[in-house]
C-alpha atoms as a PDB file:
ATOM      1  CA  MET A   1       4.475   9.636  10.576  1.00  0.00           C
ATOM      2  CA  ALA A   2       7.969   8.552   9.601  1.00  0.00           C
ATOM      3  CA  SER A   3       9.207   8.893  13.156  1.00  0.00           C
ATOM      4  CA  ALA A   4       6.315   6.860  14.579  1.00  0.00           C
ATOM      5  CA  TRP A   5       8.173   3.602  14.171  1.00  0.00           C
ATOM      6  CA  ILE A   6      11.061   4.941  16.249  1.00  0.00           C
ATOM      7  CA  THR A   7       8.881   5.991  19.154  1.00  0.00           C
ATOM      8  CA  ASN A   8       6.574   2.947  18.974  1.00  0.00           C
ATOM      9  CA  ALA A   9       9.309   0.320  18.756  1.00  0.00           C
ATOM     10  CA  SER A  10       9.223  -2.190  21.565  1.00  0.00           C
ATOM     11  CA  PRO A  11      12.143  -2.019  23.986  1.00  0.00           C
ATOM     12  CA  ILE A  12      12.679  -5.769  23.598  1.00  0.00           C
ATOM     13  CA  ALA A  13      13.063  -5.466  19.827  1.00  0.00           C
ATOM     14  CA  SER A  14      15.609  -2.714  20.313  1.00  0.00           C
ATOM     15  CA  LYS A  15      17.653  -4.752  22.799  1.00  0.00           C
ATOM     16  CA  THR A  16      17.548  -8.048  20.911  1.00  0.00           C
ATOM     17  CA  LYS A  17      18.556  -6.854  17.472  1.00  0.00           C
ATOM     18  CA  ALA A  18      20.821  -9.330  15.677  1.00  0.00           C
ATOM     19  CA  SER A  19      23.963  -7.265  15.229  1.00  0.00           C
ATOM     20  CA  PRO A  20      27.362  -7.172  16.877  1.00  0.00           C
ATOM     21  CA  PRO A  21      27.841  -4.750  19.786  1.00  0.00           C
ATOM     22  CA  ARG A  22      28.651  -1.227  18.665  1.00  0.00           C
ATOM     23  CA  ALA A  23      27.929   2.345  19.565  1.00  0.00           C
ATOM     24  CA  GLU A  24      24.235   3.119  19.712  1.00  0.00           C
ATOM     25  CA  PRO A  25      23.112   4.467  16.312  1.00  0.00           C
ATOM     26  CA  ALA A  26      21.253   7.696  15.883  1.00  0.00           C
ATOM     27  CA  PRO A  27      17.437   7.430  15.752  1.00  0.00           C
ATOM     28  CA  GLY A  28      16.293   6.191  12.366  1.00  0.00           C
ATOM     29  CA  ARG A  29      19.685   4.757  11.431  1.00  0.00           C
ATOM     30  CA  GLY A  30      19.037   0.997  11.398  1.00  0.00           C
ATOM     31  CA  ALA A  31      18.232   0.173  14.990  1.00  0.00           C
ATOM     32  CA  ASN A  32      14.503  -0.493  14.701  1.00  0.00           C
ATOM     33  CA  HIS A  33      13.875  -1.446  11.093  1.00  0.00           C
ATOM     34  CA  PRO A  34      12.203  -4.808  11.812  1.00  0.00           C
ATOM     35  CA  SER A  35       9.709  -3.134  14.119  1.00  0.00           C
ATOM     36  CA  ALA A  36       9.001  -0.511  11.430  1.00  0.00           C
ATOM     37  CA  VAL A  37       7.734  -2.986   8.824  1.00  0.00           C
ATOM     38  CA  PRO A  38       4.064  -3.121   9.984  1.00  0.00           C
ATOM     39  CA  THR A  39       3.810   0.678  10.116  1.00  0.00           C
ATOM     40  CA  VAL A  40       5.463   1.088   6.730  1.00  0.00           C
ATOM     41  CA  PHE A  41       3.195  -1.477   5.104  1.00  0.00           C
ATOM     42  CA  SER A  42       0.078   0.100   6.605  1.00  0.00           C
ATOM     43  CA  GLY A  43       1.050   3.344   4.903  1.00  0.00           C
ATOM     44  CA  LEU A  44       1.900   1.571   1.653  1.00  0.00           C
ATOM     45  CA  ARG A  45      -1.427  -0.251   1.612  1.00  0.00           C
ATOM     46  CA  LEU A  46      -3.336   3.018   2.119  1.00  0.00           C
ATOM     47  CA  GLY A  47      -1.190   4.744  -0.493  1.00  0.00           C
ATOM     48  CA  LEU A  48      -1.878   1.950  -2.974  1.00  0.00           C
ATOM     49  CA  ILE A  49      -5.643   2.360  -2.667  1.00  0.00           C
ATOM     50  CA  TYR A  50      -5.456   6.163  -2.917  1.00  0.00           C
ATOM     51  CA  ALA A  51      -3.168   5.891  -5.958  1.00  0.00           C
ATOM     52  CA  LEU A  52      -5.620   3.567  -7.705  1.00  0.00           C
ATOM     53  CA  LEU A  53      -8.501   5.940  -6.949  1.00  0.00           C
ATOM     54  CA  GLY A  54      -6.446   8.887  -8.214  1.00  0.00           C
ATOM     55  CA  VAL A  55      -5.606   7.138 -11.474  1.00  0.00           C
ATOM     56  CA  ILE A  56      -9.245   6.285 -12.143  1.00  0.00           C
ATOM     57  CA  ALA A  57     -10.392   9.814 -11.239  1.00  0.00           C
ATOM     58  CA  GLY A  58      -7.730  11.280 -13.540  1.00  0.00           C
ATOM     59  CA  GLU A  59      -8.820   9.007 -16.368  1.00  0.00           C
ATOM     60  CA  ILE A  60     -12.462   9.981 -15.872  1.00  0.00           C
ATOM     61  CA  ILE A  61     -11.599  13.674 -16.054  1.00  0.00           C
ATOM     62  CA  ALA A  62      -8.814  13.942 -18.626  1.00  0.00           C
ATOM     63  CA  ALA A  63      -8.067  10.719 -20.501  1.00  0.00           C
ATOM     64  CA  GLN A  64      -9.198   9.634 -23.936  1.00  0.00           C
ATOM     65  CA  HIS A  65      -8.464   5.959 -23.314  1.00  0.00           C
ATOM     66  CA  GLY A  66      -8.499   3.808 -20.200  1.00  0.00           C
ATOM     67  CA  LEU A  67     -10.837   2.267 -17.695  1.00  0.00           C
ATOM     68  CA  GLY A  68     -12.003   5.620 -16.300  1.00  0.00           C
ATOM     69  CA  GLN A  69     -12.967   6.880 -19.734  1.00  0.00           C
ATOM     70  CA  SER A  70     -14.683   3.581 -20.540  1.00  0.00           C
ATOM     71  CA  LEU A  71     -16.598   3.849 -17.286  1.00  0.00           C
ATOM     72  CA  THR A  72     -17.703   7.393 -18.133  1.00  0.00           C
ATOM     73  CA  PHE A  73     -18.743   6.449 -21.674  1.00  0.00           C
ATOM     74  CA  LEU A  74     -20.663   3.352 -20.565  1.00  0.00           C
ATOM     75  CA  ALA A  75     -22.429   5.245 -17.773  1.00  0.00           C
ATOM     76  CA  GLY A  76     -23.303   8.098 -20.168  1.00  0.00           C
ATOM     77  CA  THR A  77     -24.879   5.690 -22.653  1.00  0.00           C
ATOM     78  CA  PHE A  78     -26.742   3.753 -19.924  1.00  0.00           C
ATOM     79  CA  GLN A  79     -24.927   0.485 -20.615  1.00  0.00           C
ATOM     80  CA  ILE A  80     -25.219  -0.866 -17.085  1.00  0.00           C
ATOM     81  CA  ASN A  81     -23.690  -4.257 -17.899  1.00  0.00           C
ATOM     82  CA  GLY A  82     -20.554  -2.544 -19.185  1.00  0.00           C
ATOM     83  CA  VAL A  83     -20.387  -0.280 -16.122  1.00  0.00           C
ATOM     84  CA  PHE A  84     -20.546  -3.264 -13.795  1.00  0.00           C
ATOM     85  CA  ALA A  85     -17.943  -5.106 -15.882  1.00  0.00           C
ATOM     86  CA  VAL A  86     -15.508  -2.191 -15.537  1.00  0.00           C
ATOM     87  CA  LEU A  87     -16.267  -1.900 -11.809  1.00  0.00           C
ATOM     88  CA  LEU A  88     -15.685  -5.637 -11.389  1.00  0.00           C
ATOM     89  CA  LEU A  89     -12.384  -5.335 -13.249  1.00  0.00           C
ATOM     90  CA  LEU A  90     -11.336  -2.437 -11.013  1.00  0.00           C
ATOM     91  CA  ALA A  91     -12.323  -4.378  -7.899  1.00  0.00           C
ATOM     92  CA  LEU A  92     -10.285  -7.376  -9.048  1.00  0.00           C
ATOM     93  CA  LEU A  93      -7.326  -5.107  -9.788  1.00  0.00           C
ATOM     94  CA  GLY A  94      -7.515  -3.536  -6.332  1.00  0.00           C
ATOM     95  CA  MET A  95      -7.898  -6.909  -4.635  1.00  0.00           C
ATOM     96  CA  SER A  96      -4.950  -8.397  -6.508  1.00  0.00           C
ATOM     97  CA  LEU A  97      -2.699  -5.436  -5.672  1.00  0.00           C
ATOM     98  CA  THR A  98      -3.715  -5.691  -2.014  1.00  0.00           C
ATOM     99  CA  TRP A  99      -3.081  -9.442  -2.062  1.00  0.00           C
ATOM    100  CA  ILE A 100       0.392  -8.916  -3.515  1.00  0.00           C
ATOM    101  CA  MET A 101       1.132  -6.284  -0.863  1.00  0.00           C
ATOM    102  CA  THR A 102      -0.075  -8.651   1.876  1.00  0.00           C
ATOM    103  CA  ALA A 103       2.120 -11.478   0.532  1.00  0.00           C
ATOM    104  CA  VAL A 104       5.194  -9.232   0.509  1.00  0.00           C
ATOM    105  CA  GLU A 105       4.398  -8.053   4.031  1.00  0.00           C
ATOM    106  CA  ALA A 106       3.978 -11.633   5.270  1.00  0.00           C
ATOM    107  CA  ARG A 107       7.319 -12.564   3.745  1.00  0.00           C
ATOM    108  CA  LEU A 108       9.055  -9.645   5.432  1.00  0.00           C
ATOM    109  CA  LEU A 109       7.345 -10.368   8.765  1.00  0.00           C
ATOM    110  CA  ARG A 110       8.235 -14.064   9.025  1.00  0.00           C
ATOM    111  CA  TRP A 111      10.244 -13.277  12.159  1.00  0.00           C
ATOM    112  CA  ARG A 112       7.132 -12.086  14.021  1.00  0.00           C
END
């Protein structure tokens, strides 16, 4: 996956890089970094979602405090309003993290 940005880089992006003429660098050594940003951020966005799911699953299984434990307790005592409140909070957390990631990506991809 890490080498995908080297092989998928457009030839135009490789030829029009904004650097003084020099010997051609080895693959993965700075030649195609701007064209790598979309691929890197796709992986980061997926990793962010999986990390959030892993944290919640870990809290459900092993924690004594946290949103996962609260979700388990509320579901076990049939407090549906509390369950939906925790789920809404988790959805807002995931959406805000994704929004922040999208804003950073847009800032880094202004050249596109």
